[in-house]
């Protein structure tokens, strides 16, 4: 007999639309994703640890943000996800637009969800996943970004929220247009 809770059953139901669209996504964009994080944020370090645990390619946001973004996006990853402050996200997203990417989802740390138009059509499941994960939204985002299509929501079961950063922390996904 399989043991489940209301939370895990709901997460499974919410993950279905995301997982269903991944076959086409993987065919068009490949499977390589990149996780960027701000090492000065506790949330960023949690994101990096969760991404490393899942075998994702993880890189700290250091030095010249514009140069970093250009180097990273030249490799044409299938998606780029990150946890950073708003200023870093704005710089990285601007360079991403020049390389044919668009902000697909932006999760506000304190609200743990996408606000209004911040999750593009087809990406609302990322916001729902973050909302359901509660204090573990960072690990849930890393889980999704490191292995899109595999066991969506694995990070949601039983994780304890880590320390909270002062100020606004964003989780975000950049995807090819």
Protein backbone atom coordinates (compact mmCIF):
# COMPACT_ATOMS: atom_id res chain seq x y z
CA UNK A 1 0.00 0.00 0.00
CA UNK A 2 1.28 3.45 -0.91
CA UNK A 3 1.15 6.02 1.87
CA UNK A 4 0.27 9.53 0.80
CA UNK A 5 -0.83 12.74 2.40
CA UNK A 6 -3.22 15.34 1.12
CA UNK A 7 -0.26 17.58 0.38
CA UNK A 8 1.61 15.02 -1.75
CA UNK A 9 -1.55 14.06 -3.63
CA UNK A 10 -2.26 17.72 -4.41
CA UNK A 11 1.35 18.26 -5.51
CA UNK A 12 1.08 15.30 -7.85
CA UNK A 13 -2.07 16.76 -9.38
CA UNK A 14 -0.45 20.17 -9.78
CA UNK A 15 2.67 18.68 -11.36
CA UNK A 16 0.78 16.82 -14.11
CA UNK A 17 0.39 19.82 -16.49
CA UNK A 18 4.05 20.71 -16.09
CA UNK A 19 5.31 17.19 -16.67
CA UNK A 20 2.90 16.62 -19.58
CA UNK A 21 4.42 19.48 -21.54
CA UNK A 22 8.03 18.49 -20.87
CA UNK A 23 8.35 15.92 -23.67
CA UNK A 24 7.90 18.66 -26.28
CA UNK A 25 10.07 21.04 -24.24
CA UNK A 26 12.93 18.54 -24.05
CA UNK A 27 12.68 17.76 -27.75
CA UNK A 28 12.92 21.45 -28.70
CA UNK A 29 15.44 22.70 -26.11
CA UNK A 30 17.43 19.75 -24.79
CA UNK A 31 17.85 18.71 -21.20
CA UNK A 32 20.73 20.82 -19.92
CA UNK A 33 19.74 23.43 -17.40
CA UNK A 34 21.79 25.80 -15.28
CA UNK A 35 21.17 26.97 -11.73
CA UNK A 36 22.56 30.38 -10.71
CA UNK A 37 22.63 31.60 -7.13
CA UNK A 38 23.72 34.54 -4.99
CA UNK A 39 26.21 33.15 -2.47
CA UNK A 40 25.64 36.09 -0.10
CA UNK A 41 22.04 34.94 0.49
CA UNK A 42 21.13 32.01 2.73
CA UNK A 43 18.40 31.24 0.19
CA UNK A 44 21.02 31.17 -2.57
CA UNK A 45 23.20 28.73 -0.66
CA UNK A 46 20.16 26.49 0.00
CA UNK A 47 19.32 26.62 -3.72
CA UNK A 48 22.91 25.63 -4.63
CA UNK A 49 22.97 22.76 -2.14
CA UNK A 50 19.63 21.42 -3.39
CA UNK A 51 20.76 21.76 -7.01
CA UNK A 52 24.04 19.96 -6.33
CA UNK A 53 22.19 17.20 -4.52
CA UNK A 54 20.08 16.61 -7.64
CA UNK A 55 23.11 16.66 -9.94
CA UNK A 56 22.37 20.03 -11.51
CA UNK A 57 24.96 22.36 -12.99
CA UNK A 58 25.23 25.07 -10.32
CA UNK A 59 27.13 28.36 -10.59
CA UNK A 60 27.47 31.32 -8.24
CA UNK A 61 26.57 34.80 -9.47
CA UNK A 62 29.91 36.56 -9.04
CA UNK A 63 31.78 39.39 -10.67
CA UNK A 64 30.41 41.23 -13.69
CA UNK A 65 26.80 40.07 -14.05
CA UNK A 66 26.51 41.04 -17.72
CA UNK A 67 29.68 39.16 -18.69
CA UNK A 68 28.59 36.15 -16.63
CA UNK A 69 25.18 36.08 -18.32
CA UNK A 70 26.70 36.32 -21.80
CA UNK A 71 29.11 33.46 -21.10
CA UNK A 72 26.41 31.28 -19.57
CA UNK A 73 23.84 31.91 -22.30
CA UNK A 74 26.35 31.33 -25.11
CA UNK A 75 26.14 27.62 -24.21
CA UNK A 76 22.36 27.70 -24.95
CA UNK A 77 21.05 25.90 -21.85
CA UNK A 78 17.48 24.58 -22.03
CA UNK A 79 16.61 26.81 -19.08
CA UNK A 80 18.34 28.92 -16.47
CA UNK A 81 16.90 29.08 -12.97
CA UNK A 82 18.19 31.11 -10.07
CA UNK A 83 17.78 32.62 -6.65
CA UNK A 84 19.04 36.17 -6.26
CA UNK A 85 18.16 39.71 -5.35
CA UNK A 86 15.98 41.73 -7.68
CA UNK A 87 18.85 43.83 -9.09
CA UNK A 88 20.78 40.76 -10.24
CA UNK A 89 17.65 39.29 -11.80
CA UNK A 90 17.00 42.48 -13.78
CA UNK A 91 20.55 42.50 -15.20
CA UNK A 92 20.54 38.79 -16.03
CA UNK A 93 17.06 38.90 -17.59
CA UNK A 94 18.03 41.88 -19.76
CA UNK A 95 21.04 40.03 -21.19
CA UNK A 96 18.91 36.88 -21.54
CA UNK A 97 16.47 38.78 -23.79
CA UNK A 98 19.38 39.68 -26.08
CA UNK A 99 20.19 35.95 -26.35
CA UNK A 100 16.64 34.83 -27.16
CA UNK A 101 15.49 33.96 -23.63
CA UNK A 102 12.59 35.38 -21.67
CA UNK A 103 11.66 35.44 -18.00
CA UNK A 104 9.22 32.54 -17.78
CA UNK A 105 8.50 32.58 -14.04
CA UNK A 106 9.43 34.79 -11.12
CA UNK A 107 8.67 33.64 -7.59
CA UNK A 108 8.71 36.24 -4.84
CA UNK A 109 10.36 34.78 -1.75
CA UNK A 110 8.11 36.25 0.89
CA UNK A 111 4.90 35.48 -1.01
CA UNK A 112 6.24 32.11 -2.26
CA UNK A 113 4.30 32.49 -5.49
CA UNK A 114 4.20 34.27 -8.81
CA UNK A 115 2.51 37.65 -8.67
CA UNK A 116 0.16 38.49 -11.51
CA UNK A 117 1.87 38.40 -14.88
CA UNK A 118 5.19 37.14 -13.51
CA UNK A 119 4.50 33.51 -14.52
CA UNK A 120 4.02 33.29 -18.27
CA UNK A 121 1.42 31.00 -19.85
CA UNK A 122 2.52 27.41 -19.42
CA UNK A 123 4.71 28.26 -16.42
CA UNK A 124 2.08 28.86 -13.72
CA UNK A 125 2.81 25.41 -12.30
CA UNK A 126 6.15 26.75 -11.04
CA UNK A 127 4.28 29.30 -8.94
CA UNK A 128 1.82 26.68 -7.69
CA UNK A 129 4.71 24.37 -6.83
CA UNK A 130 6.45 27.13 -4.85
CA UNK A 131 3.23 28.01 -3.01
CA UNK A 132 2.61 24.36 -2.08
CA UNK A 133 6.21 23.92 -0.91
CA UNK A 134 5.81 26.75 1.61
CA UNK A 135 9.13 27.44 3.32
CA UNK A 136 10.84 24.87 1.11
CA UNK A 137 10.07 26.70 -2.14
CA UNK A 138 13.80 27.18 -2.82
CA UNK A 139 14.48 23.44 -2.74
CA UNK A 140 11.38 22.78 -4.86
CA UNK A 141 12.59 25.25 -7.49
CA UNK A 142 16.06 23.67 -7.50
CA UNK A 143 14.50 20.23 -7.80
CA UNK A 144 12.44 21.32 -10.79
CA UNK A 145 15.28 23.19 -12.50
CA UNK A 146 17.96 20.53 -12.01
CA UNK A 147 15.90 17.72 -13.49
CA UNK A 148 12.80 19.04 -15.26
CA UNK A 149 10.49 16.12 -15.93
CA UNK A 150 11.77 13.87 -13.17
CA UNK A 151 9.76 13.39 -9.99
CA UNK A 152 8.34 16.90 -9.93
CA UNK A 153 7.86 18.01 -6.39
CA UNK A 154 10.26 15.53 -4.77
CA UNK A 155 11.60 18.34 -2.65
CA UNK A 156 8.19 19.07 -1.21
CA UNK A 157 7.88 16.12 1.09
CA UNK A 158 9.12 16.83 4.57
CA UNK A 159 11.73 19.54 4.03
CA UNK A 160 12.19 22.07 6.78
CA UNK A 161 12.48 25.71 5.79
CA UNK A 162 15.91 27.25 6.24
CA UNK A 163 16.86 30.72 7.47
CA UNK A 164 15.09 33.70 5.96
CA UNK A 165 17.05 36.47 4.24
CA UNK A 166 16.34 40.10 4.96
CA UNK A 167 14.97 41.90 1.93
CA UNK A 168 13.46 40.58 -1.24
CA UNK A 169 14.68 37.24 -2.56
CA UNK A 170 13.52 36.07 -5.99
CA UNK A 171 13.43 32.65 -7.54
CA UNK A 172 13.25 32.81 -11.31
CA UNK A 173 13.35 30.82 -14.53
CA UNK A 174 14.66 32.05 -17.89
CA UNK A 175 13.58 30.00 -20.89
CA UNK A 176 14.16 30.21 -24.65
CA UNK A 177 11.47 32.04 -26.59
